[in-house]
C-alpha atoms as a PDB file:
ATOM      1  CA  MET A   1      98.253  95.744 101.338  1.00  0.00           C
ATOM      2  CA  ASN A   2     101.697  95.991 102.860  1.00  0.00           C
ATOM      3  CA  TYR A   3     104.340  97.428 100.623  1.00  0.00           C
ATOM      4  CA  ASP A   4     108.141  97.415 101.557  1.00  0.00           C
ATOM      5  CA  THR A   5     111.091  98.496  99.565  1.00  0.00           C
ATOM      6  CA  THR A   6     114.259  96.586 100.118  1.00  0.00           C
ATOM      7  CA  PRO A   7     117.841  96.767  98.852  1.00  0.00           C
ATOM      8  CA  TRP A   8     117.007  93.792  96.439  1.00  0.00           C
ATOM      9  CA  GLY A   9     113.710  94.997  95.392  1.00  0.00           C
ATOM     10  CA  VAL A  10     110.135  95.240  96.537  1.00  0.00           C
ATOM     11  CA  GLN A  11     107.985  92.962  98.771  1.00  0.00           C
ATOM     12  CA  MET A  12     104.140  93.373  98.750  1.00  0.00           C
ATOM     13  CA  THR A  13     101.799  91.339 101.090  1.00  0.00           C
ATOM     14  CA  TRP A  14      98.466  90.997  99.827  1.00  0.00           C
ATOM     15  CA  ALA A  15      96.933  88.492 102.305  1.00  0.00           C
ATOM     16  CA  ASN A  16      97.755  87.549 105.809  1.00  0.00           C
ATOM     17  CA  THR A  17      95.053  85.750 107.804  1.00  0.00           C
ATOM     18  CA  LYS A  18      95.253  83.255 110.701  1.00  0.00           C
ATOM     19  CA  ASP A  19      95.405  80.412 108.269  1.00  0.00           C
ATOM     20  CA  TYR A  20      97.316  81.608 105.148  1.00  0.00           C
ATOM     21  CA  SER A  21      99.298  84.469 103.612  1.00  0.00           C
ATOM     22  CA  GLY A  22     100.295  85.733 100.137  1.00  0.00           C
ATOM     23  CA  SER A  23     103.003  87.894  98.988  1.00  0.00           C
ATOM     24  CA  VAL A  24     104.680  89.341  95.716  1.00  0.00           C
ATOM     25  CA  TYR A  25     108.388  89.806  95.523  1.00  0.00           C
ATOM     26  CA  ILE A  26     110.136  91.820  92.778  1.00  0.00           C
ATOM     27  CA  ILE A  27     113.826  90.992  92.862  1.00  0.00           C
ATOM     28  CA  LYS A  28     115.958  93.459  90.698  1.00  0.00           C
ATOM     29  CA  GLU A  29     118.164  91.581  88.123  1.00  0.00           C
ATOM     30  CA  GLY A  30     121.588  90.506  89.868  1.00  0.00           C
ATOM     31  CA  GLU A  31     120.173  91.071  93.422  1.00  0.00           C
ATOM     32  CA  GLN A  32     119.162  88.438  95.962  1.00  0.00           C
ATOM     33  CA  THR A  33     117.062  88.063  99.018  1.00  0.00           C
ATOM     34  CA  PRO A  34     118.622  87.422 102.424  1.00  0.00           C
ATOM     35  CA  PHE A  35     119.749  83.804 102.990  1.00  0.00           C
ATOM     36  CA  GLY A  36     117.921  82.201 105.928  1.00  0.00           C
ATOM     37  CA  TYR A  37     114.948  80.105 106.992  1.00  0.00           C
ATOM     38  CA  TYR A  38     111.565  80.329 108.740  1.00  0.00           C
ATOM     39  CA  LYS A  39     111.323  78.427 111.939  1.00  0.00           C
ATOM     40  CA  SER A  40     107.739  77.340 111.407  1.00  0.00           C
ATOM     41  CA  ARG A  41     106.530  79.032 108.188  1.00  0.00           C
ATOM     42  CA  ASP A  42     105.746  76.816 105.304  1.00  0.00           C
ATOM     43  CA  ILE A  43     105.698  78.446 101.760  1.00  0.00           C
ATOM     44  CA  THR A  44     105.319  77.790  98.068  1.00  0.00           C
ATOM     45  CA  ILE A  45     106.747  80.083  95.385  1.00  0.00           C
ATOM     46  CA  LEU A  46     105.785  80.610  91.650  1.00  0.00           C
ATOM     47  CA  VAL A  47     107.979  82.420  89.279  1.00  0.00           C
ATOM     48  CA  LEU A  48     105.716  84.860  87.426  1.00  0.00           C
ATOM     49  CA  GLN A  49     108.483  86.556  85.444  1.00  0.00           C
ATOM     50  CA  GLY A  50     112.235  86.189  85.050  1.00  0.00           C
ATOM     51  CA  VAL A  51     114.693  83.547  85.946  1.00  0.00           C
ATOM     52  CA  VAL A  52     115.908  82.923  89.462  1.00  0.00           C
ATOM     53  CA  ASN A  53     118.325  80.630  91.180  1.00  0.00           C
ATOM     54  CA  LEU A  54     116.900  79.060  94.333  1.00  0.00           C
ATOM     55  CA  VAL A  55     119.797  78.545  96.616  1.00  0.00           C
ATOM     56  CA  LEU A  56     118.839  75.662  99.022  1.00  0.00           C
ATOM     57  CA  GLU A  57     121.399  75.067 101.857  1.00  0.00           C
ATOM     58  CA  ASN A  58     124.200  73.472  99.771  1.00  0.00           C
ATOM     59  CA  ARG A  59     122.640  73.315  96.303  1.00  0.00           C
ATOM     60  CA  THR A  60     121.050  75.589  93.670  1.00  0.00           C
ATOM     61  CA  LYS A  61     118.039  74.945  91.482  1.00  0.00           C
ATOM     62  CA  MET A  62     117.175  77.287  88.556  1.00  0.00           C
ATOM     63  CA  LEU A  63     113.605  78.257  88.328  1.00  0.00           C
ATOM     64  CA  LEU A  64     112.113  79.615  85.077  1.00  0.00           C
ATOM     65  CA  GLU A  65     108.831  81.345  84.473  1.00  0.00           C
ATOM     66  CA  LYS A  66     105.775  79.106  85.554  1.00  0.00           C
ATOM     67  CA  ASP A  67     107.989  77.007  87.891  1.00  0.00           C
ATOM     68  CA  THR A  68     107.088  76.361  91.345  1.00  0.00           C
ATOM     69  CA  TYR A  69     108.880  75.113  94.486  1.00  0.00           C
ATOM     70  CA  HIS A  70     107.660  74.216  97.956  1.00  0.00           C
ATOM     71  CA  ILE A  71     109.936  75.290 100.861  1.00  0.00           C
ATOM     72  CA  ASN A  72     109.311  73.589 104.142  1.00  0.00           C
ATOM     73  CA  PRO A  73     110.134  75.300 107.575  1.00  0.00           C
ATOM     74  CA  GLN A  74     113.780  75.123 108.632  1.00  0.00           C
ATOM     75  CA  ILE A  75     115.164  74.916 105.081  1.00  0.00           C
ATOM     76  CA  MET A  76     117.669  77.573 104.435  1.00  0.00           C
ATOM     77  CA  TYR A  77     117.111  79.385 101.078  1.00  0.00           C
ATOM     78  CA  GLN A  78     117.696  82.374  98.947  1.00  0.00           C
ATOM     79  CA  LEU A  79     116.387  83.728  95.806  1.00  0.00           C
ATOM     80  CA  VAL A  80     118.669  85.250  93.146  1.00  0.00           C
ATOM     81  CA  ALA A  81     117.325  87.197  90.106  1.00  0.00           C
ATOM     82  CA  VAL A  82     119.644  85.961  87.247  1.00  0.00           C
ATOM     83  CA  LYS A  83     117.964  87.026  84.055  1.00  0.00           C
ATOM     84  CA  GLY A  84     115.709  90.093  84.119  1.00  0.00           C
ATOM     85  CA  ASP A  85     113.818  91.455  87.183  1.00  0.00           C
ATOM     86  CA  ALA A  86     112.136  88.454  88.854  1.00  0.00           C
ATOM     87  CA  THR A  87     108.573  88.642  89.977  1.00  0.00           C
ATOM     88  CA  ILE A  88     107.773  85.904  92.655  1.00  0.00           C
ATOM     89  CA  LEU A  89     104.233  84.849  93.995  1.00  0.00           C
ATOM     90  CA  GLU A  90     104.540  83.315  97.431  1.00  0.00           C
ATOM     91  CA  VAL A  91     101.799  81.660  99.347  1.00  0.00           C
ATOM     92  CA  GLY A  92     101.994  79.882 102.662  1.00  0.00           C
ATOM     93  CA  THR A  93     101.016  79.714 106.248  1.00  0.00           C
ATOM     94  CA  ARG A  94     100.570  82.857 108.276  1.00  0.00           C
ATOM     95  CA  ILE A  95     103.328  85.437 108.089  1.00  0.00           C
ATOM     96  CA  THR A  96     105.187  85.230 111.335  1.00  0.00           C
ATOM     97  CA  SER A  97     108.448  87.124 112.339  1.00  0.00           C
ATOM     98  CA  ASP A  98     110.470  83.870 112.688  1.00  0.00           C
ATOM     99  CA  PHE A  99     112.733  84.456 109.738  1.00  0.00           C
ATOM    100  CA  VAL A 100     116.290  83.772 110.758  1.00  0.00           C
ATOM    101  CA  GLU A 101     118.851  85.372 108.423  1.00  0.00           C
ATOM    102  CA  VAL A 102     122.073  83.290 108.144  1.00  0.00           C
ATOM    103  CA  MET A 103     125.355  84.708 106.874  1.00  0.00           C
ATOM    104  CA  LYS A 104     126.706  82.908 103.848  1.00  0.00           C
END
């Protein structure tokens, strides 16, 4: 398992095969992930705990516990923990280093 501490929380990758990947993110309340997009990676997220705002290009969608959302490649997004620390389960295609961070 790959475990990384970030300024916004913790990222743990628990699976990364040639076909799929799985990660868990813990975002501290009031913190946010970088705003950007994957060039080719396709993901789906599940909110396990907390409330997050999913910022998608020019709109925001609130996600509560047990909500899921599919994010296609090339879609700019960011996760913001707005009520309590948020635990997010992410599954998708193989993890690549093609994330492009965009200044907001």
